[in-house]
Amino acid sequence: MDSLEDEVDDEVQVEKRTSSPDIRIGQGRERANALEDSECTTSTN
């Protein structure tokens, strides 16, 4: 039963993430892209 409860908790967390404003999602994507760019630059240098 604990595993089922954990799955429900995960679904609730996902709903909270998706219900967040689009601005936050946009900022998150920009940050992710910035991190990827920095990783690429550090790996090539």
PDB file of N, CA and C in Angstrom:
ATOM      1  N   MET A   1       0.844  -1.214   0.000  1.00  0.00           N
ATOM      2  CA  MET A   1       0.000   0.000   0.000  1.00  0.00           C
ATOM      3  C   MET A   1       0.875   1.258   0.000  1.00  0.00           C
ATOM      4  N   ASP A   2       2.038   1.181   0.637  1.00  0.00           N
ATOM      5  CA  ASP A   2       2.913   2.357   0.682  1.00  0.00           C
ATOM      6  C   ASP A   2       3.327   2.773  -0.728  1.00  0.00           C
ATOM      7  N   SER A   3       3.599   1.791  -1.588  1.00  0.00           N
ATOM      8  CA  SER A   3       4.021   2.119  -2.951  1.00  0.00           C
ATOM      9  C   SER A   3       2.914   2.868  -3.683  1.00  0.00           C
ATOM     10  N   LEU A   4       1.667   2.456  -3.468  1.00  0.00           N
ATOM     11  CA  LEU A   4       0.549   3.147  -4.131  1.00  0.00           C
ATOM     12  C   LEU A   4       0.459   4.588  -3.629  1.00  0.00           C
ATOM     13  N   GLU A   5       0.641   4.776  -2.325  1.00  0.00           N
ATOM     14  CA  GLU A   5       0.572   6.132  -1.769  1.00  0.00           C
ATOM     15  C   GLU A   5       1.692   6.990  -2.358  1.00  0.00           C
ATOM     16  N   ASP A   6       2.881   6.406  -2.514  1.00  0.00           N
ATOM     17  CA  ASP A   6       4.001   7.150  -3.090  1.00  0.00           C
ATOM     18  C   ASP A   6       3.665   7.588  -4.511  1.00  0.00           C
ATOM     19  N   GLU A   7       3.058   6.694  -5.278  1.00  0.00           N
ATOM     20  CA  GLU A   7       2.710   7.037  -6.663  1.00  0.00           C
ATOM     21  C   GLU A   7       1.733   8.205  -6.688  1.00  0.00           C
ATOM     22  N   VAL A   8       0.762   8.180  -5.790  1.00  0.00           N
ATOM     23  CA  VAL A   8      -0.212   9.276  -5.733  1.00  0.00           C
ATOM     24  C   VAL A   8       0.504  10.578  -5.390  1.00  0.00           C
ATOM     25  N   ASP A   9       1.429  10.534  -4.437  1.00  0.00           N
ATOM     26  CA  ASP A   9       2.170  11.733  -4.061  1.00  0.00           C
ATOM     27  C   ASP A   9       2.938  12.271  -5.263  1.00  0.00           C
ATOM     28  N   ASP A  10       3.551  11.375  -6.030  1.00  0.00           N
ATOM     29  CA  ASP A  10       4.298  11.806  -7.214  1.00  0.00           C
ATOM     30  C   ASP A  10       3.369  12.508  -8.195  1.00  0.00           C
ATOM     31  N   GLU A  11       2.187  11.956  -8.404  1.00  0.00           N
ATOM     32  CA  GLU A  11       1.234  12.568  -9.339  1.00  0.00           C
ATOM     33  C   GLU A  11       0.843  13.963  -8.863  1.00  0.00           C
ATOM     34  N   VAL A  12       0.635  14.118  -7.563  1.00  0.00           N
ATOM     35  CA  VAL A  12       0.259  15.428  -7.010  1.00  0.00           C
ATOM     36  C   VAL A  12       1.388  16.422  -7.249  1.00  0.00           C
ATOM     37  N   GLN A  13       2.635  15.997  -7.035  1.00  0.00           N
ATOM     38  CA  GLN A  13       3.773  16.889  -7.253  1.00  0.00           C
ATOM     39  C   GLN A  13       3.846  17.306  -8.717  1.00  0.00           C
ATOM     40  N   VAL A  14       3.609  16.375  -9.620  1.00  0.00           N
ATOM     41  CA  VAL A  14       3.645  16.697 -11.056  1.00  0.00           C
ATOM     42  C   VAL A  14       2.573  17.718 -11.378  1.00  0.00           C
ATOM     43  N   GLU A  15       1.391  17.541 -10.798  1.00  0.00           N
ATOM     44  CA  GLU A  15       0.300  18.493 -11.059  1.00  0.00           C
ATOM     45  C   GLU A  15       0.700  19.876 -10.571  1.00  0.00           C
ATOM     46  N   LYS A  16       1.347  19.962  -9.424  1.00  0.00           N
ATOM     47  CA  LYS A  16       1.783  21.261  -8.894  1.00  0.00           C
ATOM     48  C   LYS A  16       2.786  21.891  -9.864  1.00  0.00           C
ATOM     49  N   ARG A  17       3.701  21.097 -10.390  1.00  0.00           N
ATOM     50  CA  ARG A  17       4.707  21.631 -11.312  1.00  0.00           C
ATOM     51  C   ARG A  17       4.049  22.154 -12.579  1.00  0.00           C
ATOM     52  N   THR A  18       3.132  21.374 -13.139  1.00  0.00           N
ATOM     53  CA  THR A  18       2.491  21.764 -14.399  1.00  0.00           C
ATOM     54  C   THR A  18       1.552  22.946 -14.178  1.00  0.00           C
ATOM     55  N   SER A  19       1.025  23.105 -12.980  1.00  0.00           N
ATOM     56  CA  SER A  19       0.093  24.198 -12.708  1.00  0.00           C
ATOM     57  C   SER A  19       0.832  25.500 -12.425  1.00  0.00           C
ATOM     58  N   SER A  20       2.163  25.445 -12.323  1.00  0.00           N
ATOM     59  CA  SER A  20       2.935  26.658 -12.070  1.00  0.00           C
ATOM     60  C   SER A  20       2.824  27.599 -13.261  1.00  0.00           C
ATOM     61  N   PRO A  21       2.987  28.903 -13.044  1.00  0.00           N
ATOM     62  CA  PRO A  21       2.872  29.884 -14.139  1.00  0.00           C
ATOM     63  C   PRO A  21       3.846  29.581 -15.266  1.00  0.00           C
ATOM     64  N   ASP A  22       3.461  29.962 -16.484  1.00  0.00           N
ATOM     65  CA  ASP A  22       4.322  29.726 -17.644  1.00  0.00           C
ATOM     66  C   ASP A  22       5.633  30.492 -17.503  1.00  0.00           C
ATOM     67  N   ILE A  23       5.601  31.620 -16.792  1.00  0.00           N
ATOM     68  CA  ILE A  23       6.822  32.416 -16.624  1.00  0.00           C
ATOM     69  C   ILE A  23       7.877  31.565 -15.918  1.00  0.00           C
ATOM     70  N   ARG A  24       7.481  30.852 -14.883  1.00  0.00           N
ATOM     71  CA  ARG A  24       8.442  30.028 -14.153  1.00  0.00           C
ATOM     72  C   ARG A  24       9.001  28.952 -15.076  1.00  0.00           C
ATOM     73  N   ILE A  25       8.131  28.343 -15.869  1.00  0.00           N
ATOM     74  CA  ILE A  25       8.576  27.286 -16.783  1.00  0.00           C
ATOM     75  C   ILE A  25       9.573  27.866 -17.782  1.00  0.00           C
ATOM     76  N   GLY A  26       9.264  29.055 -18.307  1.00  0.00           N
ATOM     77  CA  GLY A  26      10.166  29.698 -19.266  1.00  0.00           C
ATOM     78  C   GLY A  26      11.513  29.976 -18.644  1.00  0.00           C
ATOM     79  N   GLN A  27      11.516  30.492 -17.423  1.00  0.00           N
ATOM     80  CA  GLN A  27      12.776  30.774 -16.747  1.00  0.00           C
ATOM     81  C   GLN A  27      13.551  29.481 -16.519  1.00  0.00           C
ATOM     82  N   GLY A  28      12.846  28.420 -16.152  1.00  0.00           N
ATOM     83  CA  GLY A  28      13.501  27.143 -15.915  1.00  0.00           C
ATOM     84  C   GLY A  28      14.180  26.639 -17.175  1.00  0.00           C
ATOM     85  N   ARG A  29      13.495  26.795 -18.330  1.00  0.00           N
ATOM     86  CA  ARG A  29      14.080  26.342 -19.598  1.00  0.00           C
ATOM     87  C   ARG A  29      15.305  27.177 -19.926  1.00  0.00           C
ATOM     88  N   GLU A  30      15.225  28.485 -19.693  1.00  0.00           N
ATOM     89  CA  GLU A  30      16.366  29.356 -19.982  1.00  0.00           C
ATOM     90  C   GLU A  30      17.553  28.944 -19.111  1.00  0.00           C
ATOM     91  N   ARG A  31      17.284  28.657 -17.853  1.00  0.00           N
ATOM     92  CA  ARG A  31      18.368  28.244 -16.951  1.00  0.00           C
ATOM     93  C   ARG A  31      18.958  26.921 -17.414  1.00  0.00           C
ATOM     94  N   ALA A  32      18.105  25.996 -17.803  1.00  0.00           N
ATOM     95  CA  ALA A  32      18.592  24.694 -18.273  1.00  0.00           C
ATOM     96  C   ALA A  32      19.455  24.873 -19.508  1.00  0.00           C
ATOM     97  N   ASN A  33      19.006  25.713 -20.430  1.00  0.00           N
ATOM     98  CA  ASN A  33      19.801  25.959 -21.635  1.00  0.00           C
ATOM     99  C   ASN A  33      21.130  26.590 -21.269  1.00  0.00           C
ATOM    100  N   ALA A  34      21.128  27.525 -20.325  1.00  0.00           N
ATOM    101  CA  ALA A  34      22.360  28.177 -19.910  1.00  0.00           C
ATOM    102  C   ALA A  34      23.319  27.145 -19.305  1.00  0.00           C
ATOM    103  N   LEU A  35      22.773  26.234 -18.503  1.00  0.00           N
ATOM    104  CA  LEU A  35      23.621  25.206 -17.900  1.00  0.00           C
ATOM    105  C   LEU A  35      24.212  24.314 -18.986  1.00  0.00           C
ATOM    106  N   GLU A  36      23.375  23.943 -19.961  1.00  0.00           N
ATOM    107  CA  GLU A  36      23.863  23.088 -21.045  1.00  0.00           C
ATOM    108  C   GLU A  36      24.963  23.810 -21.823  1.00  0.00           C
ATOM    109  N   ASP A  37      24.756  25.089 -22.104  1.00  0.00           N
ATOM    110  CA  ASP A  37      25.764  25.862 -22.841  1.00  0.00           C
ATOM    111  C   ASP A  37      27.061  25.908 -22.048  1.00  0.00           C
ATOM    112  N   SER A  38      26.975  26.160 -20.746  1.00  0.00           N
ATOM    113  CA  SER A  38      28.182  26.253 -19.927  1.00  0.00           C
ATOM    114  C   SER A  38      28.903  24.906 -19.913  1.00  0.00           C
ATOM    115  N   GLU A  39      28.122  23.811 -19.838  1.00  0.00           N
ATOM    116  CA  GLU A  39      28.744  22.484 -19.841  1.00  0.00           C
ATOM    117  C   GLU A  39      29.456  22.234 -21.160  1.00  0.00           C
ATOM    118  N   CYS A  40      28.838  22.652 -22.258  1.00  0.00           N
ATOM    119  CA  CYS A  40      29.448  22.447 -23.574  1.00  0.00           C
ATOM    120  C   CYS A  40      30.744  23.234 -23.675  1.00  0.00           C
ATOM    121  N   THR A  41      30.739  24.473 -23.211  1.00  0.00           N
ATOM    122  CA  THR A  41      31.926  25.323 -23.311  1.00  0.00           C
ATOM    123  C   THR A  41      33.043  24.756 -22.439  1.00  0.00           C
ATOM    124  N   THR A  42      32.689  24.278 -21.250  1.00  0.00           N
ATOM    125  CA  THR A  42      33.727  23.761 -20.358  1.00  0.00           C
ATOM    126  C   THR A  42      34.294  22.457 -20.911  1.00  0.00           C
ATOM    127  N   SER A  43      33.436  21.653 -21.544  1.00  0.00           N
ATOM    128  CA  SER A  43      33.905  20.364 -22.066  1.00  0.00           C
ATOM    129  C   SER A  43      34.813  20.582 -23.279  1.00  0.00           C
ATOM    130  N   THR A  44      34.506  21.583 -24.104  1.00  0.00           N
ATOM    131  CA  THR A  44      35.303  21.816 -25.309  1.00  0.00           C
ATOM    132  C   THR A  44      36.623  22.488 -24.952  1.00  0.00           C
ATOM    133  N   ASN A  45      36.607  23.331 -23.901  1.00  0.00           N
ATOM    134  CA  ASN A  45      37.849  24.046 -23.567  1.00  0.00           C
ATOM    135  C   ASN A  45      38.792  23.125 -22.893  1.00  0.00           C
TER     136      ASN A  45
END
